[in-house]
């Protein structure tokens, strides 16, 4: 499943969901790299 995270103040990364961490952040995988950040929330239309 693809997920998008925010790293820092304005950098977003999209990749395959790896796992959820205890502090609310998630890990995603892009190729061989794993990134950690806060998930982007969905906005109501």
C-alpha atoms as a PDB file:
ATOM      1  CA  UNK A   1       0.000   0.000   0.000  1.00  0.00           C
ATOM      2  CA  UNK A   2       1.409   3.424  -0.936  1.00  0.00           C
ATOM      3  CA  UNK A   3       1.672   5.993   1.850  1.00  0.00           C
ATOM      4  CA  UNK A   4       2.946   9.563   1.968  1.00  0.00           C
ATOM      5  CA  UNK A   5       4.959  11.004   4.857  1.00  0.00           C
ATOM      6  CA  UNK A   6       6.311  14.438   5.749  1.00  0.00           C
ATOM      7  CA  UNK A   7       9.991  14.756   6.628  1.00  0.00           C
ATOM      8  CA  UNK A   8      10.950  18.118   8.112  1.00  0.00           C
ATOM      9  CA  UNK A   9       8.828  21.154   7.320  1.00  0.00           C
ATOM     10  CA  UNK A  10       8.028  20.677   3.642  1.00  0.00           C
ATOM     11  CA  UNK A  11       9.617  17.512   2.185  1.00  0.00           C
ATOM     12  CA  UNK A  12       7.178  14.723   1.327  1.00  0.00           C
ATOM     13  CA  UNK A  13       8.078  11.160   0.358  1.00  0.00           C
ATOM     14  CA  UNK A  14       5.742   8.523  -1.075  1.00  0.00           C
ATOM     15  CA  UNK A  15       6.495   4.819  -0.929  1.00  0.00           C
ATOM     16  CA  UNK A  16       5.429   1.384   0.235  1.00  0.00           C
ATOM     17  CA  UNK A  17       4.265   1.143   3.855  1.00  0.00           C
ATOM     18  CA  UNK A  18       6.684  -0.783   6.105  1.00  0.00           C
ATOM     19  CA  UNK A  19       5.516  -0.349   9.719  1.00  0.00           C
ATOM     20  CA  UNK A  20       3.977   2.032  12.261  1.00  0.00           C
ATOM     21  CA  UNK A  21       6.157   3.262  15.112  1.00  0.00           C
ATOM     22  CA  UNK A  22       5.001   3.790  18.711  1.00  0.00           C
ATOM     23  CA  UNK A  23       5.341   7.602  18.522  1.00  0.00           C
ATOM     24  CA  UNK A  24       2.876   7.965  15.615  1.00  0.00           C
ATOM     25  CA  UNK A  25       5.451   8.067  12.817  1.00  0.00           C
ATOM     26  CA  UNK A  26       5.522   5.441  10.069  1.00  0.00           C
ATOM     27  CA  UNK A  27       8.258   3.905   7.940  1.00  0.00           C
ATOM     28  CA  UNK A  28       8.034   3.643   4.166  1.00  0.00           C
ATOM     29  CA  UNK A  29      10.337   1.994   1.638  1.00  0.00           C
ATOM     30  CA  UNK A  30      11.453   3.573  -1.639  1.00  0.00           C
ATOM     31  CA  UNK A  31      13.659   1.110  -3.482  1.00  0.00           C
ATOM     32  CA  UNK A  32      16.297   0.004  -0.971  1.00  0.00           C
ATOM     33  CA  UNK A  33      15.919   3.079   1.301  1.00  0.00           C
ATOM     34  CA  UNK A  34      13.636   3.329   4.337  1.00  0.00           C
ATOM     35  CA  UNK A  35      12.281   6.711   5.459  1.00  0.00           C
ATOM     36  CA  UNK A  36      10.551   7.678   8.733  1.00  0.00           C
ATOM     37  CA  UNK A  37       8.115  10.542   9.137  1.00  0.00           C
ATOM     38  CA  UNK A  38       4.634  11.671  10.035  1.00  0.00           C
ATOM     39  CA  UNK A  39       1.840  10.358   7.807  1.00  0.00           C
ATOM     40  CA  UNK A  40      -0.029  12.849   5.641  1.00  0.00           C
ATOM     41  CA  UNK A  41      -3.675  13.041   6.724  1.00  0.00           C
ATOM     42  CA  UNK A  42      -6.537  12.892   4.271  1.00  0.00           C
ATOM     43  CA  UNK A  43      -8.637  16.021   3.857  1.00  0.00           C
ATOM     44  CA  UNK A  44     -12.373  15.897   3.375  1.00  0.00           C
ATOM     45  CA  UNK A  45     -13.513  17.111  -0.051  1.00  0.00           C
END
